Amino acid sequence: MAHLEITYCTGCNWLLRAGWYAQECLSTFGTALRVTIIPDDSGGVFRVELDGTQIWERKADGGFPDIRTLKQRIRDQIEPERSLGHLDRH
């Protein structure tokens, strides 16, 4: 089972965004994924890590990921053969 951690800034009120990403990822990957949402008050942080490896960081990657990108990055690491259906179409 892979472990996804979503760290969000409490001062920026990004809990709902973090929760939505968590819900979307769990809906897609089910029991193959465990998700932890981590509050942080250091200012402006929004980071997503998969099994200890950063796969998205708001400042470095220029904002928030679209859900397609996030799911593809997760899939590519934990189940590369898995189809994401319409999300894989261009």
PDB file of N, CA and C in Angstrom:
ATOM      1  N   MET A   1       0.845  -1.176   0.000  1.00  0.00           N
ATOM      2  CA  MET A   1       0.000   0.000   0.000  1.00  0.00           C
ATOM      3  C   MET A   1       0.889   1.239   0.000  1.00  0.00           C
ATOM      4  N   ALA A   2       0.589   2.166  -0.895  1.00  0.00           N
ATOM      5  CA  ALA A   2       1.331   3.419  -0.983  1.00  0.00           C
ATOM      6  C   ALA A   2       0.764   4.421   0.017  1.00  0.00           C
ATOM      7  N   HIS A   3       1.610   5.358   0.422  1.00  0.00           N
ATOM      8  CA  HIS A   3       1.196   6.362   1.396  1.00  0.00           C
ATOM      9  C   HIS A   3       1.343   7.755   0.787  1.00  0.00           C
ATOM     10  N   LEU A   4       0.218   8.450   0.673  1.00  0.00           N
ATOM     11  CA  LEU A   4       0.174   9.810   0.150  1.00  0.00           C
ATOM     12  C   LEU A   4       0.013  10.767   1.322  1.00  0.00           C
ATOM     13  N   GLU A   5       0.864  11.784   1.387  1.00  0.00           N
ATOM     14  CA  GLU A   5       0.748  12.821   2.408  1.00  0.00           C
ATOM     15  C   GLU A   5       0.507  14.154   1.726  1.00  0.00           C
ATOM     16  N   ILE A   6      -0.529  14.845   2.180  1.00  0.00           N
ATOM     17  CA  ILE A   6      -0.843  16.169   1.665  1.00  0.00           C
ATOM     18  C   ILE A   6      -0.680  17.149   2.818  1.00  0.00           C
ATOM     19  N   THR A   7       0.293  18.035   2.702  1.00  0.00           N
ATOM     20  CA  THR A   7       0.559  19.037   3.731  1.00  0.00           C
ATOM     21  C   THR A   7       0.024  20.372   3.227  1.00  0.00           C
ATOM     22  N   TYR A   8      -0.772  21.035   4.051  1.00  0.00           N
ATOM     23  CA  TYR A   8      -1.417  22.276   3.622  1.00  0.00           C
ATOM     24  C   TYR A   8      -1.253  23.374   4.672  1.00  0.00           C
ATOM     25  N   CYS A   9      -1.319  24.623   4.226  1.00  0.00           N
ATOM     26  CA  CYS A   9      -1.208  25.780   5.104  1.00  0.00           C
ATOM     27  C   CYS A   9      -2.549  26.073   5.773  1.00  0.00           C
ATOM     28  N   THR A  10      -2.540  26.093   7.105  1.00  0.00           N
ATOM     29  CA  THR A  10      -3.773  26.398   7.842  1.00  0.00           C
ATOM     30  C   THR A  10      -4.133  27.872   7.717  1.00  0.00           C
ATOM     31  N   GLY A  11      -3.138  28.740   7.675  1.00  0.00           N
ATOM     32  CA  GLY A  11      -3.392  30.180   7.552  1.00  0.00           C
ATOM     33  C   GLY A  11      -4.019  30.558   6.226  1.00  0.00           C
ATOM     34  N   CYS A  12      -3.739  29.780   5.199  1.00  0.00           N
ATOM     35  CA  CYS A  12      -4.297  30.033   3.861  1.00  0.00           C
ATOM     36  C   CYS A  12      -5.646  29.346   3.662  1.00  0.00           C
ATOM     37  N   ASN A  13      -6.080  28.590   4.664  1.00  0.00           N
ATOM     38  CA  ASN A  13      -7.362  27.883   4.609  1.00  0.00           C
ATOM     39  C   ASN A  13      -7.453  26.898   3.450  1.00  0.00           C
ATOM     40  N   TRP A  14      -6.414  26.092   3.267  1.00  0.00           N
ATOM     41  CA  TRP A  14      -6.385  25.127   2.171  1.00  0.00           C
ATOM     42  C   TRP A  14      -6.813  23.731   2.594  1.00  0.00           C
ATOM     43  N   LEU A  15      -7.457  23.604   3.747  1.00  0.00           N
ATOM     44  CA  LEU A  15      -7.926  22.290   4.200  1.00  0.00           C
ATOM     45  C   LEU A  15      -8.924  21.676   3.217  1.00  0.00           C
ATOM     46  N   LEU A  16      -9.885  22.441   2.749  1.00  0.00           N
ATOM     47  CA  LEU A  16     -10.878  21.889   1.818  1.00  0.00           C
ATOM     48  C   LEU A  16     -10.229  21.403   0.529  1.00  0.00           C
ATOM     49  N   ARG A  17      -9.249  22.143   0.040  1.00  0.00           N
ATOM     50  CA  ARG A  17      -8.525  21.732  -1.168  1.00  0.00           C
ATOM     51  C   ARG A  17      -7.783  20.420  -0.904  1.00  0.00           C
ATOM     52  N   ALA A  18      -7.087  20.341   0.235  1.00  0.00           N
ATOM     53  CA  ALA A  18      -6.361  19.119   0.593  1.00  0.00           C
ATOM     54  C   ALA A  18      -7.327  17.942   0.722  1.00  0.00           C
ATOM     55  N   GLY A  19      -8.470  18.177   1.337  1.00  0.00           N
ATOM     56  CA  GLY A  19      -9.472  17.137   1.499  1.00  0.00           C
ATOM     57  C   GLY A  19     -10.036  16.663   0.179  1.00  0.00           C
ATOM     58  N   TRP A  20     -10.242  17.599  -0.746  1.00  0.00           N
ATOM     59  CA  TRP A  20     -10.768  17.236  -2.067  1.00  0.00           C
ATOM     60  C   TRP A  20      -9.767  16.373  -2.825  1.00  0.00           C
ATOM     61  N   TYR A  21      -8.486  16.768  -2.795  1.00  0.00           N
ATOM     62  CA  TYR A  21      -7.455  15.952  -3.444  1.00  0.00           C
ATOM     63  C   TYR A  21      -7.422  14.555  -2.828  1.00  0.00           C
ATOM     64  N   ALA A  22      -7.492  14.481  -1.511  1.00  0.00           N
ATOM     65  CA  ALA A  22      -7.480  13.188  -0.827  1.00  0.00           C
ATOM     66  C   ALA A  22      -8.663  12.335  -1.275  1.00  0.00           C
ATOM     67  N   GLN A  23      -9.842  12.919  -1.307  1.00  0.00           N
ATOM     68  CA  GLN A  23     -11.053  12.205  -1.718  1.00  0.00           C
ATOM     69  C   GLN A  23     -10.928  11.699  -3.150  1.00  0.00           C
ATOM     70  N   GLU A  24     -10.461  12.532  -4.044  1.00  0.00           N
ATOM     71  CA  GLU A  24     -10.312  12.142  -5.447  1.00  0.00           C
ATOM     72  C   GLU A  24      -9.323  10.982  -5.601  1.00  0.00           C
ATOM     73  N   CYS A  25      -8.223  11.070  -4.892  1.00  0.00           N
ATOM     74  CA  CYS A  25      -7.200  10.018  -4.993  1.00  0.00           C
ATOM     75  C   CYS A  25      -7.701   8.713  -4.397  1.00  0.00           C
ATOM     76  N   LEU A  26      -8.390   8.781  -3.284  1.00  0.00           N
ATOM     77  CA  LEU A  26      -8.951   7.566  -2.686  1.00  0.00           C
ATOM     78  C   LEU A  26     -10.044   6.968  -3.569  1.00  0.00           C
ATOM     79  N   SER A  27     -10.822   7.808  -4.216  1.00  0.00           N
ATOM     80  CA  SER A  27     -11.862   7.305  -5.124  1.00  0.00           C
ATOM     81  C   SER A  27     -11.253   6.548  -6.295  1.00  0.00           C
ATOM     82  N   THR A  28     -10.099   7.005  -6.755  1.00  0.00           N
ATOM     83  CA  THR A  28      -9.451   6.372  -7.896  1.00  0.00           C
ATOM     84  C   THR A  28      -8.648   5.140  -7.497  1.00  0.00           C
ATOM     85  N   PHE A  29      -7.859   5.236  -6.425  1.00  0.00           N
ATOM     86  CA  PHE A  29      -6.913   4.176  -6.090  1.00  0.00           C
ATOM     87  C   PHE A  29      -7.377   3.251  -4.969  1.00  0.00           C
ATOM     88  N   GLY A  30      -8.427   3.614  -4.270  1.00  0.00           N
ATOM     89  CA  GLY A  30      -9.017   2.747  -3.259  1.00  0.00           C
ATOM     90  C   GLY A  30      -8.024   2.234  -2.234  1.00  0.00           C
ATOM     91  N   THR A  31      -8.019   0.934  -2.037  1.00  0.00           N
ATOM     92  CA  THR A  31      -7.198   0.329  -0.990  1.00  0.00           C
ATOM     93  C   THR A  31      -5.709   0.261  -1.343  1.00  0.00           C
ATOM     94  N   ALA A  32      -5.337   0.681  -2.537  1.00  0.00           N
ATOM     95  CA  ALA A  32      -3.920   0.713  -2.913  1.00  0.00           C
ATOM     96  C   ALA A  32      -3.223   1.934  -2.318  1.00  0.00           C
ATOM     97  N   LEU A  33      -4.006   2.826  -1.701  1.00  0.00           N
ATOM     98  CA  LEU A  33      -3.469   4.095  -1.235  1.00  0.00           C
ATOM     99  C   LEU A  33      -3.973   4.415   0.163  1.00  0.00           C
ATOM    100  N   ARG A  34      -3.070   4.894   1.000  1.00  0.00           N
ATOM    101  CA  ARG A  34      -3.422   5.429   2.313  1.00  0.00           C
ATOM    102  C   ARG A  34      -3.099   6.921   2.262  1.00  0.00           C
ATOM    103  N   VAL A  35      -3.988   7.776   2.745  1.00  0.00           N
ATOM    104  CA  VAL A  35      -3.802   9.224   2.645  1.00  0.00           C
ATOM    105  C   VAL A  35      -3.791   9.857   4.030  1.00  0.00           C
ATOM    106  N   THR A  36      -2.832  10.745   4.234  1.00  0.00           N
ATOM    107  CA  THR A  36      -2.743  11.529   5.457  1.00  0.00           C
ATOM    108  C   THR A  36      -2.754  13.005   5.073  1.00  0.00           C
ATOM    109  N   ILE A  37      -3.576  13.788   5.756  1.00  0.00           N
ATOM    110  CA  ILE A  37      -3.628  15.236   5.548  1.00  0.00           C
ATOM    111  C   ILE A  37      -2.966  15.891   6.757  1.00  0.00           C
ATOM    112  N   ILE A  38      -1.976  16.728   6.488  1.00  0.00           N
ATOM    113  CA  ILE A  38      -1.157  17.302   7.556  1.00  0.00           C
ATOM    114  C   ILE A  38      -1.286  18.829   7.563  1.00  0.00           C
ATOM    115  N   PRO A  39      -1.803  19.405   8.649  1.00  0.00           N
ATOM    116  CA  PRO A  39      -1.862  20.870   8.743  1.00  0.00           C
ATOM    117  C   PRO A  39      -0.482  21.450   9.049  1.00  0.00           C
ATOM    118  N   ASP A  40      -0.208  22.631   8.505  1.00  0.00           N
ATOM    119  CA  ASP A  40       1.077  23.291   8.704  1.00  0.00           C
ATOM    120  C   ASP A  40       0.821  24.795   8.808  1.00  0.00           C
ATOM    121  N   ASP A  41       1.489  25.441   9.746  1.00  0.00           N
ATOM    122  CA  ASP A  41       1.266  26.878   9.907  1.00  0.00           C
ATOM    123  C   ASP A  41       2.497  27.711   9.553  1.00  0.00           C
ATOM    124  N   SER A  42       3.395  27.149   8.742  1.00  0.00           N
ATOM    125  CA  SER A  42       4.626  27.869   8.398  1.00  0.00           C
ATOM    126  C   SER A  42       4.435  28.870   7.260  1.00  0.00           C
ATOM    127  N   GLY A  43       3.274  28.878   6.634  1.00  0.00           N
ATOM    128  CA  GLY A  43       2.968  29.895   5.631  1.00  0.00           C
ATOM    129  C   GLY A  43       3.098  29.461   4.185  1.00  0.00           C
ATOM    130  N   GLY A  44       1.967  29.293   3.541  1.00  0.00           N
ATOM    131  CA  GLY A  44       1.918  29.065   2.107  1.00  0.00           C
ATOM    132  C   GLY A  44       2.273  27.681   1.613  1.00  0.00           C
ATOM    133  N   VAL A  45       2.450  26.737   2.502  1.00  0.00           N
ATOM    134  CA  VAL A  45       2.858  25.404   2.059  1.00  0.00           C
ATOM    135  C   VAL A  45       1.678  24.601   1.505  1.00  0.00           C
ATOM    136  N   PHE A  46       1.907  23.955   0.391  1.00  0.00           N
ATOM    137  CA  PHE A  46       0.997  22.939  -0.130  1.00  0.00           C
ATOM    138  C   PHE A  46       1.869  21.940  -0.854  1.00  0.00           C
ATOM    139  N   ARG A  47       2.066  20.790  -0.216  1.00  0.00           N
ATOM    140  CA  ARG A  47       3.016  19.794  -0.707  1.00  0.00           C
ATOM    141  C   ARG A  47       2.341  18.418  -0.720  1.00  0.00           C
ATOM    142  N   VAL A  48       2.636  17.656  -1.751  1.00  0.00           N
ATOM    143  CA  VAL A  48       2.122  16.293  -1.859  1.00  0.00           C
ATOM    144  C   VAL A  48       3.318  15.353  -1.983  1.00  0.00           C
ATOM    145  N   GLU A  49       3.369  14.365  -1.097  1.00  0.00           N
ATOM    146  CA  GLU A  49       4.433  13.369  -1.114  1.00  0.00           C
ATOM    147  C   GLU A  49       3.826  11.983  -1.227  1.00  0.00           C
ATOM    148  N   LEU A  50       4.497  11.150  -2.000  1.00  0.00           N
ATOM    149  CA  LEU A  50       4.071   9.762  -2.159  1.00  0.00           C
ATOM    150  C   LEU A  50       5.217   8.870  -1.711  1.00  0.00           C
ATOM    151  N   ASP A  51       4.983   8.088  -0.672  1.00  0.00           N
ATOM    152  CA  ASP A  51       6.001   7.216  -0.101  1.00  0.00           C
ATOM    153  C   ASP A  51       7.297   7.978   0.194  1.00  0.00           C
ATOM    154  N   GLY A  52       7.156   9.188   0.721  1.00  0.00           N
ATOM    155  CA  GLY A  52       8.305   9.986   1.127  1.00  0.00           C
ATOM    156  C   GLY A  52       8.966  10.792   0.027  1.00  0.00           C
ATOM    157  N   THR A  53       8.473  10.677  -1.202  1.00  0.00           N
ATOM    158  CA  THR A  53       9.026  11.423  -2.325  1.00  0.00           C
ATOM    159  C   THR A  53       8.053  12.528  -2.729  1.00  0.00           C
ATOM    160  N   GLN A  54       8.555  13.741  -2.800  1.00  0.00           N
ATOM    161  CA  GLN A  54       7.699  14.865  -3.176  1.00  0.00           C
ATOM    162  C   GLN A  54       7.280  14.728  -4.633  1.00  0.00           C
ATOM    163  N   ILE A  55       5.960  14.788  -4.888  1.00  0.00           N
ATOM    164  CA  ILE A  55       5.475  14.731  -6.266  1.00  0.00           C
ATOM    165  C   ILE A  55       4.827  16.047  -6.696  1.00  0.00           C
ATOM    166  N   TRP A  56       4.583  16.950  -5.744  1.00  0.00           N
ATOM    167  CA  TRP A  56       4.076  18.281  -6.073  1.00  0.00           C
ATOM    168  C   TRP A  56       4.361  19.223  -4.923  1.00  0.00           C
ATOM    169  N   GLU A  57       4.784  20.438  -5.256  1.00  0.00           N
ATOM    170  CA  GLU A  57       4.985  21.476  -4.263  1.00  0.00           C
ATOM    171  C   GLU A  57       4.536  22.785  -4.886  1.00  0.00           C
ATOM    172  N   ARG A  58       3.618  23.463  -4.230  1.00  0.00           N
ATOM    173  CA  ARG A  58       2.942  24.626  -4.798  1.00  0.00           C
ATOM    174  C   ARG A  58       3.903  25.693  -5.325  1.00  0.00           C
ATOM    175  N   LYS A  59       4.882  26.069  -4.547  1.00  0.00           N
ATOM    176  CA  LYS A  59       5.798  27.131  -4.965  1.00  0.00           C
ATOM    177  C   LYS A  59       6.712  26.672  -6.093  1.00  0.00           C
ATOM    178  N   ALA A  60       7.274  25.491  -5.981  1.00  0.00           N
ATOM    179  CA  ALA A  60       8.204  24.977  -6.994  1.00  0.00           C
ATOM    180  C   ALA A  60       7.507  24.642  -8.312  1.00  0.00           C
ATOM    181  N   ASP A  61       6.268  24.137  -8.209  1.00  0.00           N
ATOM    182  CA  ASP A  61       5.560  23.680  -9.410  1.00  0.00           C
ATOM    183  C   ASP A  61       4.563  24.696  -9.960  1.00  0.00           C
ATOM    184  N   GLY A  62       4.510  25.883  -9.371  1.00  0.00           N
ATOM    185  CA  GLY A  62       3.688  26.953  -9.939  1.00  0.00           C
ATOM    186  C   GLY A  62       2.205  26.834  -9.660  1.00  0.00           C
ATOM    187  N   GLY A  63       1.822  26.666  -8.415  1.00  0.00           N
ATOM    188  CA  GLY A  63       0.406  26.613  -8.056  1.00  0.00           C
ATOM    189  C   GLY A  63      -0.018  25.217  -7.645  1.00  0.00           C
ATOM    190  N   PHE A  64      -1.278  24.961  -7.829  1.00  0.00           N
ATOM    191  CA  PHE A  64      -1.859  23.682  -7.427  1.00  0.00           C
ATOM    192  C   PHE A  64      -1.979  22.763  -8.644  1.00  0.00           C
ATOM    193  N   PRO A  65      -1.835  21.457  -8.430  1.00  0.00           N
ATOM    194  CA  PRO A  65      -1.941  20.544  -9.564  1.00  0.00           C
ATOM    195  C   PRO A  65      -3.400  20.366  -9.995  1.00  0.00           C
ATOM    196  N   ASP A  66      -3.594  20.153 -11.304  1.00  0.00           N
ATOM    197  CA  ASP A  66      -4.925  19.712 -11.689  1.00  0.00           C
ATOM    198  C   ASP A  66      -5.005  18.239 -11.303  1.00  0.00           C
ATOM    199  N   ILE A  67      -6.199  17.754 -11.117  1.00  0.00           N
ATOM    200  CA  ILE A  67      -6.367  16.396 -10.586  1.00  0.00           C
ATOM    201  C   ILE A  67      -5.818  15.349 -11.547  1.00  0.00           C
ATOM    202  N   ARG A  68      -5.887  15.608 -12.845  1.00  0.00           N
ATOM    203  CA  ARG A  68      -5.345  14.687 -13.837  1.00  0.00           C
ATOM    204  C   ARG A  68      -3.849  14.473 -13.602  1.00  0.00           C
ATOM    205  N   THR A  69      -3.112  15.568 -13.461  1.00  0.00           N
ATOM    206  CA  THR A  69      -1.665  15.491 -13.250  1.00  0.00           C
ATOM    207  C   THR A  69      -1.328  14.746 -11.976  1.00  0.00           C
ATOM    208  N   LEU A  70      -2.033  15.067 -10.898  1.00  0.00           N
ATOM    209  CA  LEU A  70      -1.758  14.423  -9.627  1.00  0.00           C
ATOM    210  C   LEU A  70      -2.017  12.915  -9.699  1.00  0.00           C
ATOM    211  N   LYS A  71      -3.148  12.521 -10.257  1.00  0.00           N
ATOM    212  CA  LYS A  71      -3.467  11.098 -10.367  1.00  0.00           C
ATOM    213  C   LYS A  71      -2.490  10.366 -11.271  1.00  0.00           C
ATOM    214  N   GLN A  72      -2.060  11.003 -12.345  1.00  0.00           N
ATOM    215  CA  GLN A  72      -1.105  10.368 -13.237  1.00  0.00           C
ATOM    216  C   GLN A  72       0.240  10.156 -12.547  1.00  0.00           C
ATOM    217  N   ARG A  73       0.668  11.132 -11.757  1.00  0.00           N
ATOM    218  CA  ARG A  73       1.943  10.987 -11.037  1.00  0.00           C
ATOM    219  C   ARG A  73       1.864   9.869 -10.000  1.00  0.00           C
ATOM    220  N   ILE A  74       0.737   9.762  -9.336  1.00  0.00           N
ATOM    221  CA  ILE A  74       0.553   8.683  -8.365  1.00  0.00           C
ATOM    222  C   ILE A  74       0.530   7.343  -9.085  1.00  0.00           C
ATOM    223  N   ARG A  75      -0.271   7.245 -10.114  1.00  0.00           N
ATOM    224  CA  ARG A  75      -0.386   6.001 -10.884  1.00  0.00           C
ATOM    225  C   ARG A  75       0.972   5.550 -11.424  1.00  0.00           C
ATOM    226  N   ASP A  76       1.734   6.503 -11.974  1.00  0.00           N
ATOM    227  CA  ASP A  76       3.024   6.164 -12.571  1.00  0.00           C
ATOM    228  C   ASP A  76       3.979   5.546 -11.557  1.00  0.00           C
ATOM    229  N   GLN A  77       3.811   5.867 -10.279  1.00  0.00           N
ATOM    230  CA  GLN A  77       4.692   5.306  -9.247  1.00  0.00           C
ATOM    231  C   GLN A  77       4.157   4.013  -8.630  1.00  0.00           C
ATOM    232  N   ILE A  78       2.837   3.913  -8.453  1.00  0.00           N
ATOM    233  CA  ILE A  78       2.333   2.748  -7.714  1.00  0.00           C
ATOM    234  C   ILE A  78       1.708   1.671  -8.595  1.00  0.00           C
ATOM    235  N   GLU A  79       1.157   2.048  -9.746  1.00  0.00           N
ATOM    236  CA  GLU A  79       0.509   1.083 -10.642  1.00  0.00           C
ATOM    237  C   GLU A  79       0.647   1.545 -12.088  1.00  0.00           C
ATOM    238  N   PRO A  80       1.871   1.534 -12.636  1.00  0.00           N
ATOM    239  CA  PRO A  80       2.091   2.102 -13.969  1.00  0.00           C
ATOM    240  C   PRO A  80       1.235   1.486 -15.076  1.00  0.00           C
ATOM    241  N   GLU A  81       0.805   0.250 -14.898  1.00  0.00           N
ATOM    242  CA  GLU A  81      -0.010  -0.405 -15.930  1.00  0.00           C
ATOM    243  C   GLU A  81      -1.488  -0.021 -15.854  1.00  0.00           C
ATOM    244  N   ARG A  82      -1.884   0.649 -14.799  1.00  0.00           N
ATOM    245  CA  ARG A  82      -3.283   0.999 -14.559  1.00  0.00           C
ATOM    246  C   ARG A  82      -3.751   2.091 -15.524  1.00  0.00           C
ATOM    247  N   SER A  83      -4.936   1.909 -16.075  1.00  0.00           N
ATOM    248  CA  SER A  83      -5.553   2.930 -16.917  1.00  0.00           C
ATOM    249  C   SER A  83      -6.369   3.877 -16.035  1.00  0.00           C
ATOM    250  N   LEU A  84      -6.269   5.152 -16.329  1.00  0.00           N
ATOM    251  CA  LEU A  84      -7.092   6.140 -15.632  1.00  0.00           C
ATOM    252  C   LEU A  84      -8.281   6.567 -16.495  1.00  0.00           C
ATOM    253  N   GLY A  85      -8.575   5.753 -17.493  1.00  0.00           N
ATOM    254  CA  GLY A  85      -9.738   6.008 -18.339  1.00  0.00           C
ATOM    255  C   GLY A  85      -9.642   7.342 -19.056  1.00  0.00           C
ATOM    256  N   HIS A  86     -10.668   8.161 -18.929  1.00  0.00           N
ATOM    257  CA  HIS A  86     -10.723   9.431 -19.654  1.00  0.00           C
ATOM    258  C   HIS A  86      -9.601  10.382 -19.268  1.00  0.00           C
ATOM    259  N   LEU A  87      -9.010  10.221 -18.090  1.00  0.00           N
ATOM    260  CA  LEU A  87      -7.914  11.101 -17.683  1.00  0.00           C
ATOM    261  C   LEU A  87      -6.644  10.856 -18.500  1.00  0.00           C
ATOM    262  N   ASP A  88      -6.530   9.671 -19.108  1.00  0.00           N
ATOM    263  CA  ASP A  88      -5.370   9.370 -19.933  1.00  0.00           C
ATOM    264  C   ASP A  88      -5.528   9.857 -21.376  1.00  0.00           C
ATOM    265  N   ARG A  89      -6.701  10.270 -21.739  1.00  0.00           N
ATOM    266  CA  ARG A  89      -6.924  10.759 -23.109  1.00  0.00           C
ATOM    267  C   ARG A  89      -6.475  12.211 -23.205  1.00  0.00           C
ATOM    268  N   HIS A  90      -5.962  12.551 -24.375  1.00  0.00           N
ATOM    269  CA  HIS A  90      -5.483  13.942 -24.592  1.00  0.00           C
ATOM    270  C   HIS A  90      -6.468  14.724 -25.401  1.00  0.00           C
TER     271      HIS A  90
END
